[in-house]
Protein backbone atom coordinates (compact mmCIF):
# COMPACT_ATOMS: atom_id res chain seq x y z
CA ALA A 1 -15.24 -4.27 -6.54
CA THR A 2 -14.88 -8.00 -6.62
CA GLY A 3 -14.81 -7.73 -10.70
CA VAL A 4 -12.21 -4.73 -10.02
CA TRP A 5 -10.06 -6.45 -7.78
CA GLN A 6 -10.09 -9.85 -10.21
CA GLY A 7 -8.80 -6.87 -12.84
CA LEU A 8 -6.52 -6.16 -10.54
CA SER A 9 -5.22 -9.23 -10.23
CA ALA A 10 -5.08 -10.49 -13.44
CA VAL A 11 -2.77 -7.93 -14.80
CA LYS A 12 -0.38 -7.01 -11.38
CA GLU A 13 -0.09 -8.84 -8.08
CA VAL A 14 -1.74 -7.34 -5.86
CA VAL A 15 -0.49 -7.03 -2.34
CA VAL A 16 -2.33 -5.34 1.06
CA GLU A 17 -0.29 -3.89 4.02
CA PRO A 18 -1.57 -5.96 7.30
CA ARG A 19 -3.53 -4.34 10.03
CA GLU A 20 -1.11 -6.07 12.38
CA ALA A 21 3.02 -4.19 12.80
CA GLY A 22 5.84 -6.77 12.93
CA LYS A 23 6.52 -9.99 11.10
CA ALA A 24 3.53 -10.05 8.72
CA PHE A 25 4.27 -6.18 7.51
CA GLU A 26 7.73 -6.86 6.99
CA GLN A 27 6.66 -10.22 4.93
CA ALA A 28 4.53 -8.51 2.95
CA MET A 29 7.33 -5.65 2.33
CA LEU A 30 9.68 -8.50 1.20
CA HIS A 31 6.92 -10.09 -0.66
CA TYR A 32 6.52 -7.00 -2.50
CA LYS A 33 10.05 -5.72 -3.25
CA LYS A 34 10.59 -9.31 -4.09
CA VAL A 35 7.97 -9.53 -6.89
CA VAL A 36 8.84 -5.91 -8.22
CA ASP A 37 12.58 -6.96 -7.97
CA GLU A 38 11.55 -10.20 -10.53
CA GLY A 39 10.40 -7.82 -13.51
CA ARG A 40 6.17 -8.96 -13.01
CA GLY A 41 5.63 -5.31 -10.89
CA ALA A 42 3.17 -5.14 -8.46
CA LEU A 43 0.80 -3.04 -6.63
CA LEU A 44 1.20 -2.60 -2.88
CA LEU A 45 -2.02 -1.07 -1.53
CA ALA A 46 -1.38 0.80 2.09
CA VAL A 47 -2.93 3.30 4.27
CA CYS A 48 -1.84 7.13 4.76
CA ARG A 49 -0.37 7.94 7.89
CA GLY A 50 -0.13 4.09 8.08
CA LYS A 51 3.36 1.93 8.63
CA ALA A 52 4.38 2.14 4.87
CA SER A 53 4.05 6.28 5.27
CA GLU A 54 7.64 6.42 6.69
CA GLY A 55 10.31 5.27 7.08
CA ILE A 56 10.51 3.10 3.70
CA ASP A 57 12.46 3.82 0.97
CA PHE A 58 10.55 2.60 -2.53
CA ALA A 59 13.18 3.37 -4.97
CA ASP A 60 13.32 3.24 -8.70
CA ALA A 61 10.82 0.23 -9.84
CA HIS A 62 9.64 0.01 -6.34
CA ALA A 63 7.43 3.48 -6.34
CA ARG A 64 6.78 3.73 -10.28
CA GLY A 65 3.84 5.09 -9.17
CA VAL A 66 1.72 6.61 -6.61
CA VAL A 67 -2.15 7.06 -6.54
CA ILE A 68 -3.46 8.84 -2.85
CA VAL A 69 -7.21 7.96 -2.02
CA GLY A 70 -9.09 9.73 0.81
CA ILE A 71 -11.56 10.41 2.67
CA PRO A 72 -10.91 13.89 3.43
CA TYR A 73 -12.41 13.70 7.34
CA PRO A 74 -10.80 15.89 9.64
CA ALA A 75 -8.61 15.19 12.61
CA LEU A 76 -10.59 13.55 15.08
CA LYS A 77 -9.21 16.38 17.91
CA ASP A 78 -10.24 19.17 15.36
CA THR A 79 -12.52 21.83 16.43
CA ARG A 80 -15.04 21.31 13.39
CA VAL A 81 -15.35 18.15 15.04
CA SER A 82 -16.46 19.47 18.35
């Protein structure tokens, strides 16, 4: 996995959505948008249904491509779980 991370980092700035909300999240998003606006491009790694999934506009160059990866676990309260 380290080789993949190093490869991605060599091509684009990698910004990871922080676990904590608030100032850390705001700073990460500002950094991501700044790097993209400078024309260098960036890769934002975020969690589906996380803080970056709703209410944020990723317009134009801020979302040139989207890749969604997930493990298809059912919801905890799904009848298939109980």
